[in-house]
Amino acid sequence: MTSPGPKISEGLGGWRRVDLGTRKFWRAVGRPVDLGGAQAWLRGPTSGHGPIGEDWVEAEAAHHQGSVARGCSGAGLLRDMCELDGPDFTVERVRPEIRDFYERTSGWRMEVWVGWSPVFWPGGELVSRLFGRRLEQLALPTRPLDVARGLDSDVVLILDDQGVQRAAGWTRTVRATGDKAFSGSYSTRLLPGARRPSVHAAFPLESGNVQVFLRPDHGPDGSLFLRSPGGRFGEDGAYVVAEDRGTTYASGVPLRESFHLYLDEDGVLRADHRLRLWSATAVRLHYKLEPVE
């Protein structure tokens, strides 16, 4: 009987070539950036080869000369939503339930529904198979039944040397299967030339990451909009960062993302989430958010 070892090795080697080819692509379309200098706003967590585990969280804490706080009751994605205050936005106009969700995220339960555009569904399924499920990262659900039982979430705090929260690591897992869907760092960050901070989400990948900067805006009746409309390099939008041969490259991508958090007529907190490629809607997600009793 032939040993399966060589076949497994060949398979792993094939995936390494896929990942390397992906980094070469982003090198070709991106621009060199200095994450310790002019483009420090793009510095974010990265990962090693293979599935995205939790090592990146410890590495982020080390970057801040701090520590990771796990199992904290009421750990939130943002330390204080007041950090987003600035011209034309104040958190005082946002519903207290929305503020509580962002400041005490681990105290909330999530149910989710998903609907893909038929045009974009094959591409979403391909990305999920090639990268999402294998790397346990950016694995957008492609079938409604995948998330029929909701998502579980785990929030850990990334602290600096003074014990102050600098970011939060948020991992979302499909409750029915235990598969990881997303693992990312959440914080606030001021973009170059911006008048007020944005919500910053960074999803680590091998030798790079995907980052999204979302601009907060007021909605009707105390609701909240978070939008990454895309624009010039350095503005709110989505970016891919990749390191290759000692140089880091970054490129804006035509992914437009928006969230609308609001209370429905029954007082239940809900969120509408839409992702577009350029102006075409690729997928819509709807979340029902309830406090854990």
C-alpha atoms as a PDB file:
ATOM      1  CA  MET A   1       0.000   0.000   0.000  1.00  0.00           C
ATOM      2  CA  THR A   2       1.366   3.434  -0.943  1.00  0.00           C
ATOM      3  CA  SER A   3       1.902   5.873   1.913  1.00  0.00           C
ATOM      4  CA  PRO A   4      -0.413   8.920   1.773  1.00  0.00           C
ATOM      5  CA  GLY A   5       2.403  11.163   2.978  1.00  0.00           C
ATOM      6  CA  PRO A   6       3.682  12.334  -0.435  1.00  0.00           C
ATOM      7  CA  LYS A   7       0.179  13.125  -1.652  1.00  0.00           C
ATOM      8  CA  ILE A   8      -0.528  15.230   1.415  1.00  0.00           C
ATOM      9  CA  SER A   9       2.805  16.977   0.994  1.00  0.00           C
ATOM     10  CA  GLU A  10       2.088  17.672  -2.647  1.00  0.00           C
ATOM     11  CA  GLY A  11      -1.324  19.056  -1.720  1.00  0.00           C
ATOM     12  CA  LEU A  12       0.164  21.359   0.889  1.00  0.00           C
ATOM     13  CA  GLY A  13       2.802  22.458  -1.585  1.00  0.00           C
ATOM     14  CA  GLY A  14       0.084  23.262  -4.083  1.00  0.00           C
ATOM     15  CA  TRP A  15      -1.706  25.485  -1.594  1.00  0.00           C
ATOM     16  CA  ARG A  16       1.550  27.239  -0.749  1.00  0.00           C
ATOM     17  CA  ARG A  17       1.965  28.046  -4.435  1.00  0.00           C
ATOM     18  CA  VAL A  18      -1.592  29.410  -4.530  1.00  0.00           C
ATOM     19  CA  ASP A  19      -0.917  31.651  -1.525  1.00  0.00           C
ATOM     20  CA  LEU A  20       2.441  32.765  -2.939  1.00  0.00           C
ATOM     21  CA  GLY A  21       0.812  33.552  -6.278  1.00  0.00           C
ATOM     22  CA  THR A  22      -1.794  35.631  -4.474  1.00  0.00           C
ATOM     23  CA  ARG A  23       0.898  37.703  -2.773  1.00  0.00           C
ATOM     24  CA  LYS A  24       2.679  38.167  -6.121  1.00  0.00           C
ATOM     25  CA  PHE A  25      -0.556  39.480  -7.595  1.00  0.00           C
ATOM     26  CA  TRP A  26      -0.988  42.075  -4.842  1.00  0.00           C
ATOM     27  CA  ARG A  27       2.651  43.038  -5.273  1.00  0.00           C
ATOM     28  CA  ALA A  28       2.009  43.643  -8.971  1.00  0.00           C
ATOM     29  CA  VAL A  29      -1.088  45.802  -8.490  1.00  0.00           C
ATOM     30  CA  GLY A  30      -0.087  47.475  -5.201  1.00  0.00           C
ATOM     31  CA  ARG A  31       2.323  50.195  -4.184  1.00  0.00           C
ATOM     32  CA  PRO A  32       5.252  49.932  -1.749  1.00  0.00           C
ATOM     33  CA  VAL A  33       4.330  51.276   1.685  1.00  0.00           C
ATOM     34  CA  ASP A  34       6.231  52.110   4.867  1.00  0.00           C
ATOM     35  CA  LEU A  35       4.153  50.785   7.764  1.00  0.00           C
ATOM     36  CA  GLY A  36       6.554  52.321  10.253  1.00  0.00           C
ATOM     37  CA  GLY A  37       6.374  55.727   8.624  1.00  0.00           C
ATOM     38  CA  ALA A  38       4.082  57.548   6.225  1.00  0.00           C
ATOM     39  CA  GLN A  39       1.629  54.652   5.876  1.00  0.00           C
ATOM     40  CA  ALA A  40       1.525  53.662   9.559  1.00  0.00           C
ATOM     41  CA  TRP A  41      -2.265  53.917   9.342  1.00  0.00           C
ATOM     42  CA  LEU A  42      -2.139  50.633   7.375  1.00  0.00           C
ATOM     43  CA  ARG A  43      -0.192  48.667   9.990  1.00  0.00           C
ATOM     44  CA  GLY A  44      -2.206  45.657  11.087  1.00  0.00           C
ATOM     45  CA  PRO A  45      -1.930  42.050  12.257  1.00  0.00           C
ATOM     46  CA  THR A  46      -0.581  39.345   9.972  1.00  0.00           C
ATOM     47  CA  SER A  47      -0.405  35.565  10.240  1.00  0.00           C
ATOM     48  CA  GLY A  48       1.880  32.691   9.338  1.00  0.00           C
ATOM     49  CA  HIS A  49       1.155  29.905   6.871  1.00  0.00           C
ATOM     50  CA  GLY A  50      -1.966  27.808   7.254  1.00  0.00           C
ATOM     51  CA  PRO A  51      -5.226  28.353   9.147  1.00  0.00           C
ATOM     52  CA  ILE A  52      -5.538  31.654  10.992  1.00  0.00           C
ATOM     53  CA  GLY A  53      -5.157  30.751  14.648  1.00  0.00           C
ATOM     54  CA  GLU A  54      -4.708  32.987  17.676  1.00  0.00           C
ATOM     55  CA  ASP A  55      -0.979  33.709  17.441  1.00  0.00           C
ATOM     56  CA  TRP A  56      -1.697  37.025  15.759  1.00  0.00           C
ATOM     57  CA  VAL A  57      -3.511  38.239  18.885  1.00  0.00           C
ATOM     58  CA  GLU A  58      -0.451  37.627  21.044  1.00  0.00           C
ATOM     59  CA  ALA A  59       1.735  39.292  18.407  1.00  0.00           C
ATOM     60  CA  GLU A  60      -0.471  42.393  18.438  1.00  0.00           C
ATOM     61  CA  ALA A  61      -0.248  42.617  22.217  1.00  0.00           C
ATOM     62  CA  ALA A  62       3.531  42.307  21.952  1.00  0.00           C
ATOM     63  CA  HIS A  63       3.557  45.144  19.409  1.00  0.00           C
ATOM     64  CA  HIS A  64       1.916  47.337  22.058  1.00  0.00           C
ATOM     65  CA  GLN A  65       4.228  45.908  24.756  1.00  0.00           C
ATOM     66  CA  GLY A  66       1.118  44.703  26.510  1.00  0.00           C
ATOM     67  CA  SER A  67      -0.967  41.595  27.059  1.00  0.00           C
ATOM     68  CA  VAL A  68      -4.135  39.787  26.009  1.00  0.00           C
ATOM     69  CA  ALA A  69      -7.160  39.700  28.289  1.00  0.00           C
ATOM     70  CA  ARG A  70      -9.379  36.677  27.691  1.00  0.00           C
ATOM     71  CA  GLY A  71     -12.721  35.721  29.152  1.00  0.00           C
ATOM     72  CA  CYS A  72     -13.581  39.288  30.126  1.00  0.00           C
ATOM     73  CA  SER A  73     -17.270  39.765  30.876  1.00  0.00           C
ATOM     74  CA  GLY A  74     -18.695  42.391  28.544  1.00  0.00           C
ATOM     75  CA  ALA A  75     -15.577  42.767  26.378  1.00  0.00           C
ATOM     76  CA  GLY A  76     -16.275  45.161  23.528  1.00  0.00           C
ATOM     77  CA  LEU A  77     -14.917  45.785  20.042  1.00  0.00           C
ATOM     78  CA  LEU A  78     -14.349  49.410  21.020  1.00  0.00           C
ATOM     79  CA  ARG A  79     -13.167  50.618  24.395  1.00  0.00           C
ATOM     80  CA  ASP A  80     -15.395  53.691  24.186  1.00  0.00           C
ATOM     81  CA  MET A  81     -17.460  54.808  21.188  1.00  0.00           C
ATOM     82  CA  CYS A  82     -16.681  58.396  22.150  1.00  0.00           C
ATOM     83  CA  GLU A  83     -13.372  57.783  20.372  1.00  0.00           C
ATOM     84  CA  LEU A  84     -15.352  58.221  17.129  1.00  0.00           C
ATOM     85  CA  ASP A  85     -16.591  61.704  18.060  1.00  0.00           C
ATOM     86  CA  GLY A  86     -15.620  64.557  15.795  1.00  0.00           C
ATOM     87  CA  PRO A  87     -17.060  67.070  13.333  1.00  0.00           C
ATOM     88  CA  ASP A  88     -20.555  65.988  12.228  1.00  0.00           C
ATOM     89  CA  PHE A  89     -20.641  62.928  14.501  1.00  0.00           C
ATOM     90  CA  THR A  90     -21.250  62.405  18.208  1.00  0.00           C
ATOM     91  CA  VAL A  91     -22.031  59.100  19.874  1.00  0.00           C
ATOM     92  CA  GLU A  92     -24.547  60.870  22.125  1.00  0.00           C
ATOM     93  CA  ARG A  93     -26.974  60.808  19.192  1.00  0.00           C
ATOM     94  CA  VAL A  94     -26.678  57.023  18.811  1.00  0.00           C
ATOM     95  CA  ARG A  95     -29.105  54.637  20.518  1.00  0.00           C
ATOM     96  CA  PRO A  96     -27.690  53.305  23.831  1.00  0.00           C
ATOM     97  CA  GLU A  97     -28.337  49.720  22.670  1.00  0.00           C
ATOM     98  CA  ILE A  98     -26.010  50.239  19.698  1.00  0.00           C
ATOM     99  CA  ARG A  99     -23.349  51.741  21.894  1.00  0.00           C
ATOM    100  CA  ASP A 100     -23.688  48.832  24.320  1.00  0.00           C
ATOM    101  CA  PHE A 101     -23.203  46.342  21.482  1.00  0.00           C
ATOM    102  CA  TYR A 102     -19.893  47.906  20.445  1.00  0.00           C
ATOM    103  CA  GLU A 103     -18.641  48.454  23.987  1.00  0.00           C
ATOM    104  CA  ARG A 104     -19.886  45.114  25.427  1.00  0.00           C
ATOM    105  CA  THR A 105     -19.927  42.867  22.336  1.00  0.00           C
ATOM    106  CA  SER A 106     -19.401  39.595  24.194  1.00  0.00           C
ATOM    107  CA  GLY A 107     -22.675  40.228  26.007  1.00  0.00           C
ATOM    108  CA  TRP A 108     -24.676  39.955  22.779  1.00  0.00           C
ATOM    109  CA  ARG A 109     -25.925  36.982  20.761  1.00  0.00           C
ATOM    110  CA  MET A 110     -26.045  37.066  16.937  1.00  0.00           C
ATOM    111  CA  GLU A 111     -28.447  35.487  14.480  1.00  0.00           C
ATOM    112  CA  VAL A 112     -27.748  36.000  10.783  1.00  0.00           C
ATOM    113  CA  TRP A 113     -29.440  35.629   7.403  1.00  0.00           C
ATOM    114  CA  VAL A 114     -27.586  35.789   4.096  1.00  0.00           C
ATOM    115  CA  GLY A 115     -28.640  36.426   0.511  1.00  0.00           C
ATOM    116  CA  TRP A 116     -26.241  36.374  -2.442  1.00  0.00           C
ATOM    117  CA  SER A 117     -26.702  37.890  -5.857  1.00  0.00           C
ATOM    118  CA  PRO A 118     -26.918  34.985  -8.356  1.00  0.00           C
ATOM    119  CA  VAL A 119     -24.217  36.712 -10.405  1.00  0.00           C
ATOM    120  CA  PHE A 120     -21.717  36.822  -7.547  1.00  0.00           C
ATOM    121  CA  TRP A 121     -22.586  33.592  -5.717  1.00  0.00           C
ATOM    122  CA  PRO A 122     -20.238  31.358  -7.802  1.00  0.00           C
ATOM    123  CA  GLY A 123     -17.339  33.698  -7.092  1.00  0.00           C
ATOM    124  CA  GLY A 124     -18.170  33.795  -3.399  1.00  0.00           C
ATOM    125  CA  GLU A 125     -18.289  30.008  -3.273  1.00  0.00           C
ATOM    126  CA  LEU A 126     -14.953  29.749  -5.092  1.00  0.00           C
ATOM    127  CA  VAL A 127     -13.243  32.167  -2.708  1.00  0.00           C
ATOM    128  CA  SER A 128     -14.733  30.324   0.249  1.00  0.00           C
ATOM    129  CA  ARG A 129     -13.433  26.977  -0.994  1.00  0.00           C
ATOM    130  CA  LEU A 130      -9.986  28.201  -2.054  1.00  0.00           C
ATOM    131  CA  PHE A 131      -9.269  30.428   0.921  1.00  0.00           C
ATOM    132  CA  GLY A 132     -12.057  30.957   3.446  1.00  0.00           C
ATOM    133  CA  ARG A 133     -12.651  27.446   4.751  1.00  0.00           C
ATOM    134  CA  ARG A 134      -9.033  26.353   4.365  1.00  0.00           C
ATOM    135  CA  LEU A 135      -7.600  29.371   6.181  1.00  0.00           C
ATOM    136  CA  GLU A 136     -10.597  29.845   8.507  1.00  0.00           C
ATOM    137  CA  GLN A 137     -10.708  33.491   7.504  1.00  0.00           C
ATOM    138  CA  LEU A 138     -13.075  35.721   5.478  1.00  0.00           C
ATOM    139  CA  ALA A 139     -15.336  32.682   5.001  1.00  0.00           C
ATOM    140  CA  LEU A 140     -18.539  34.475   4.075  1.00  0.00           C
ATOM    141  CA  PRO A 141     -21.485  32.069   4.348  1.00  0.00           C
ATOM    142  CA  THR A 142     -22.774  31.216   0.891  1.00  0.00           C
ATOM    143  CA  ARG A 143     -25.943  29.287   1.817  1.00  0.00           C
ATOM    144  CA  PRO A 144     -28.727  30.422   4.167  1.00  0.00           C
ATOM    145  CA  LEU A 145     -28.760  27.091   6.023  1.00  0.00           C
ATOM    146  CA  ASP A 146     -25.050  27.469   6.813  1.00  0.00           C
ATOM    147  CA  VAL A 147     -25.922  30.061   9.440  1.00  0.00           C
ATOM    148  CA  ALA A 148     -29.472  29.009  10.327  1.00  0.00           C
ATOM    149  CA  ARG A 149     -28.427  28.484  13.957  1.00  0.00           C
ATOM    150  CA  GLY A 150     -26.537  31.757  14.167  1.00  0.00           C
ATOM    151  CA  LEU A 151     -22.951  32.740  14.917  1.00  0.00           C
ATOM    152  CA  ASP A 152     -20.995  32.434  18.138  1.00  0.00           C
ATOM    153  CA  SER A 153     -18.483  35.141  18.902  1.00  0.00           C
ATOM    154  CA  ASP A 154     -15.441  35.381  21.123  1.00  0.00           C
ATOM    155  CA  VAL A 155     -13.926  38.744  22.009  1.00  0.00           C
ATOM    156  CA  VAL A 156     -10.482  39.163  23.570  1.00  0.00           C
ATOM    157  CA  LEU A 157      -8.903  42.471  24.508  1.00  0.00           C
ATOM    158  CA  ILE A 158      -5.491  43.577  23.236  1.00  0.00           C
ATOM    159  CA  LEU A 159      -3.979  45.793  25.937  1.00  0.00           C
ATOM    160  CA  ASP A 160      -0.950  48.067  25.971  1.00  0.00           C
ATOM    161  CA  ASP A 161       1.705  48.279  28.691  1.00  0.00           C
ATOM    162  CA  GLN A 162      -0.630  50.472  30.755  1.00  0.00           C
ATOM    163  CA  GLY A 163      -3.482  47.973  30.589  1.00  0.00           C
ATOM    164  CA  VAL A 164      -5.490  50.190  28.215  1.00  0.00           C
ATOM    165  CA  GLN A 165      -7.442  48.521  25.403  1.00  0.00           C
ATOM    166  CA  ARG A 166      -5.781  49.265  22.073  1.00  0.00           C
ATOM    167  CA  ALA A 167      -7.860  46.837  19.993  1.00  0.00           C
ATOM    168  CA  ALA A 168     -10.114  43.812  20.289  1.00  0.00           C
ATOM    169  CA  GLY A 169      -9.767  40.442  18.632  1.00  0.00           C
ATOM    170  CA  TRP A 170     -13.143  39.164  17.448  1.00  0.00           C
ATOM    171  CA  THR A 171     -13.607  35.593  16.202  1.00  0.00           C
ATOM    172  CA  ARG A 172     -16.963  34.506  14.758  1.00  0.00           C
ATOM    173  CA  THR A 173     -17.797  30.827  14.469  1.00  0.00           C
ATOM    174  CA  VAL A 174     -20.682  29.123  12.661  1.00  0.00           C
ATOM    175  CA  ARG A 175     -22.680  27.643  15.535  1.00  0.00           C
ATOM    176  CA  ALA A 176     -23.980  24.631  13.632  1.00  0.00           C
ATOM    177  CA  THR A 177     -20.582  23.394  12.395  1.00  0.00           C
ATOM    178  CA  GLY A 178     -17.976  25.024  14.624  1.00  0.00           C
ATOM    179  CA  ASP A 179     -16.212  26.388  11.524  1.00  0.00           C
ATOM    180  CA  LYS A 180     -14.486  29.742  11.949  1.00  0.00           C
ATOM    181  CA  ALA A 181     -15.811  32.424   9.627  1.00  0.00           C
ATOM    182  CA  PHE A 182     -13.862  35.557  10.582  1.00  0.00           C
ATOM    183  CA  SER A 183     -11.029  36.520  12.901  1.00  0.00           C
ATOM    184  CA  GLY A 184     -10.014  40.152  13.057  1.00  0.00           C
ATOM    185  CA  SER A 185      -8.769  43.129  15.013  1.00  0.00           C
ATOM    186  CA  TYR A 186     -11.168  46.010  15.726  1.00  0.00           C
ATOM    187  CA  SER A 187     -10.280  49.509  16.867  1.00  0.00           C
ATOM    188  CA  THR A 188     -10.592  53.152  15.860  1.00  0.00           C
ATOM    189  CA  ARG A 189      -8.061  54.860  13.606  1.00  0.00           C
ATOM    190  CA  LEU A 190      -7.583  58.330  12.160  1.00  0.00           C
ATOM    191  CA  LEU A 191      -6.877  58.319   8.440  1.00  0.00           C
ATOM    192  CA  PRO A 192      -4.508  60.841   6.813  1.00  0.00           C
ATOM    193  CA  GLY A 193      -6.203  64.215   6.540  1.00  0.00           C
ATOM    194  CA  ALA A 194      -9.422  62.956   8.167  1.00  0.00           C
ATOM    195  CA  ARG A 195     -11.302  65.163  10.609  1.00  0.00           C
ATOM    196  CA  ARG A 196     -12.543  62.298  12.783  1.00  0.00           C
ATOM    197  CA  PRO A 197     -11.658  58.644  13.377  1.00  0.00           C
ATOM    198  CA  SER A 198     -13.072  55.651  11.534  1.00  0.00           C
ATOM    199  CA  VAL A 199     -13.827  52.128  12.705  1.00  0.00           C
ATOM    200  CA  HIS A 200     -10.879  49.966  11.641  1.00  0.00           C
ATOM    201  CA  ALA A 201     -11.236  46.224  11.015  1.00  0.00           C
ATOM    202  CA  ALA A 202      -8.161  44.189  10.016  1.00  0.00           C
ATOM    203  CA  PHE A 203      -8.295  40.501   9.079  1.00  0.00           C
ATOM    204  CA  PRO A 204      -4.872  38.787   9.252  1.00  0.00           C
ATOM    205  CA  LEU A 205      -3.667  36.583   6.429  1.00  0.00           C
ATOM    206  CA  GLU A 206      -0.310  34.985   5.653  1.00  0.00           C
ATOM    207  CA  SER A 207       2.249  37.817   5.439  1.00  0.00           C
ATOM    208  CA  GLY A 208      -0.526  40.378   5.087  1.00  0.00           C
ATOM    209  CA  ASN A 209      -4.122  41.265   5.790  1.00  0.00           C
ATOM    210  CA  VAL A 210      -7.361  42.713   4.500  1.00  0.00           C
ATOM    211  CA  GLN A 211      -8.395  45.985   6.128  1.00  0.00           C
ATOM    212  CA  VAL A 212     -11.602  47.990   6.079  1.00  0.00           C
ATOM    213  CA  PHE A 213     -12.037  51.566   7.292  1.00  0.00           C
ATOM    214  CA  LEU A 214     -15.651  52.468   8.032  1.00  0.00           C
ATOM    215  CA  ARG A 215     -16.906  56.020   8.465  1.00  0.00           C
ATOM    216  CA  PRO A 216     -19.607  56.451  11.170  1.00  0.00           C
ATOM    217  CA  ASP A 217     -22.670  58.568  10.435  1.00  0.00           C
ATOM    218  CA  HIS A 218     -25.951  59.232  12.191  1.00  0.00           C
ATOM    219  CA  GLY A 219     -29.118  57.604  10.933  1.00  0.00           C
ATOM    220  CA  PRO A 220     -32.769  58.311  11.744  1.00  0.00           C
ATOM    221  CA  ASP A 221     -34.087  57.641  15.265  1.00  0.00           C
ATOM    222  CA  GLY A 222     -30.653  57.124  16.766  1.00  0.00           C
ATOM    223  CA  SER A 223     -29.547  54.492  14.271  1.00  0.00           C
ATOM    224  CA  LEU A 224     -25.943  54.189  13.088  1.00  0.00           C
ATOM    225  CA  PHE A 225     -24.418  53.887   9.631  1.00  0.00           C
ATOM    226  CA  LEU A 226     -20.896  52.562   9.084  1.00  0.00           C
ATOM    227  CA  ARG A 227     -19.702  52.909   5.493  1.00  0.00           C
ATOM    228  CA  SER A 228     -16.542  52.205   3.520  1.00  0.00           C
ATOM    229  CA  PRO A 229     -17.434  53.983   0.270  1.00  0.00           C
ATOM    230  CA  GLY A 230     -14.016  53.753  -1.344  1.00  0.00           C
ATOM    231  CA  GLY A 231     -12.117  56.650  -2.836  1.00  0.00           C
ATOM    232  CA  ARG A 232      -8.561  57.820  -3.084  1.00  0.00           C
ATOM    233  CA  PHE A 233      -5.763  55.894  -1.397  1.00  0.00           C
ATOM    234  CA  GLY A 234      -5.831  56.905   2.271  1.00  0.00           C
ATOM    235  CA  GLU A 235      -9.603  57.392   2.504  1.00  0.00           C
ATOM    236  CA  ASP A 236     -12.300  55.148   3.994  1.00  0.00           C
ATOM    237  CA  GLY A 237     -12.511  51.915   2.048  1.00  0.00           C
ATOM    238  CA  ALA A 238     -11.020  48.423   1.752  1.00  0.00           C
ATOM    239  CA  TYR A 239      -7.326  47.599   1.327  1.00  0.00           C
ATOM    240  CA  VAL A 240      -5.143  44.548   0.879  1.00  0.00           C
ATOM    241  CA  VAL A 241      -1.662  44.595   2.414  1.00  0.00           C
ATOM    242  CA  ALA A 242       0.900  41.950   1.487  1.00  0.00           C
ATOM    243  CA  GLU A 243       4.598  41.457   2.228  1.00  0.00           C
ATOM    244  CA  ASP A 244       6.828  39.901  -0.408  1.00  0.00           C
ATOM    245  CA  ARG A 245      10.614  39.572  -0.321  1.00  0.00           C
ATOM    246  CA  GLY A 246      11.015  42.064   2.497  1.00  0.00           C
ATOM    247  CA  THR A 247       8.858  44.809   0.982  1.00  0.00           C
ATOM    248  CA  THR A 248       5.261  45.555   1.931  1.00  0.00           C
ATOM    249  CA  TYR A 249       2.722  46.482  -0.722  1.00  0.00           C
ATOM    250  CA  ALA A 250      -0.797  47.865  -0.380  1.00  0.00           C
ATOM    251  CA  SER A 251      -3.663  48.299  -2.765  1.00  0.00           C
ATOM    252  CA  GLY A 252      -7.170  49.673  -2.480  1.00  0.00           C
ATOM    253  CA  VAL A 253      -9.846  47.232  -3.631  1.00  0.00           C
ATOM    254  CA  PRO A 254     -13.283  48.031  -5.106  1.00  0.00           C
ATOM    255  CA  LEU A 255     -15.138  46.457  -2.193  1.00  0.00           C
ATOM    256  CA  ARG A 256     -17.797  48.771  -0.770  1.00  0.00           C
ATOM    257  CA  GLU A 257     -19.219  47.804   2.608  1.00  0.00           C
ATOM    258  CA  SER A 258     -22.015  49.300   4.681  1.00  0.00           C
ATOM    259  CA  PHE A 259     -23.777  48.563   7.967  1.00  0.00           C
ATOM    260  CA  HIS A 260     -26.998  50.056   9.309  1.00  0.00           C
ATOM    261  CA  LEU A 261     -27.730  49.319  12.970  1.00  0.00           C
ATOM    262  CA  TYR A 262     -31.200  50.204  14.235  1.00  0.00           C
ATOM    263  CA  LEU A 263     -34.010  49.190  16.572  1.00  0.00           C
ATOM    264  CA  ASP A 264     -37.059  47.660  14.896  1.00  0.00           C
ATOM    265  CA  GLU A 265     -40.682  48.340  15.880  1.00  0.00           C
ATOM    266  CA  ASP A 266     -40.419  45.723  18.656  1.00  0.00           C
ATOM    267  CA  GLY A 267     -37.310  47.264  20.155  1.00  0.00           C
ATOM    268  CA  VAL A 268     -34.979  44.546  18.808  1.00  0.00           C
ATOM    269  CA  LEU A 269     -31.520  45.600  17.661  1.00  0.00           C
ATOM    270  CA  ARG A 270     -30.879  44.656  14.050  1.00  0.00           C
ATOM    271  CA  ALA A 271     -28.201  45.331  11.433  1.00  0.00           C
ATOM    272  CA  ASP A 272     -28.327  45.355   7.650  1.00  0.00           C
ATOM    273  CA  HIS A 273     -24.970  44.586   6.049  1.00  0.00           C
ATOM    274  CA  ARG A 274     -24.274  44.994   2.346  1.00  0.00           C
ATOM    275  CA  LEU A 275     -21.150  44.277   0.322  1.00  0.00           C
ATOM    276  CA  ARG A 276     -20.758  45.641  -3.185  1.00  0.00           C
ATOM    277  CA  LEU A 277     -18.124  45.285  -5.863  1.00  0.00           C
ATOM    278  CA  TRP A 278     -17.963  48.733  -7.414  1.00  0.00           C
ATOM    279  CA  SER A 279     -21.671  49.607  -7.572  1.00  0.00           C
ATOM    280  CA  ALA A 280     -23.104  46.081  -7.859  1.00  0.00           C
ATOM    281  CA  THR A 281     -24.452  44.394  -4.722  1.00  0.00           C
ATOM    282  CA  ALA A 282     -22.778  41.017  -4.207  1.00  0.00           C
ATOM    283  CA  VAL A 283     -24.262  39.885  -0.902  1.00  0.00           C
ATOM    284  CA  ARG A 284     -26.610  41.120   1.802  1.00  0.00           C
ATOM    285  CA  LEU A 285     -26.585  39.958   5.397  1.00  0.00           C
ATOM    286  CA  HIS A 286     -29.091  40.700   8.133  1.00  0.00           C
ATOM    287  CA  TYR A 287     -28.287  40.349  11.837  1.00  0.00           C
ATOM    288  CA  LYS A 288     -30.566  40.079  14.828  1.00  0.00           C
ATOM    289  CA  LEU A 289     -28.645  41.138  17.940  1.00  0.00           C
ATOM    290  CA  GLU A 290     -29.904  40.249  21.384  1.00  0.00           C
ATOM    291  CA  PRO A 291     -28.310  40.728  24.799  1.00  0.00           C
ATOM    292  CA  VAL A 292     -27.350  37.511  26.568  1.00  0.00           C
ATOM    293  CA  GLU A 293     -29.490  37.130  29.661  1.00  0.00           C
END
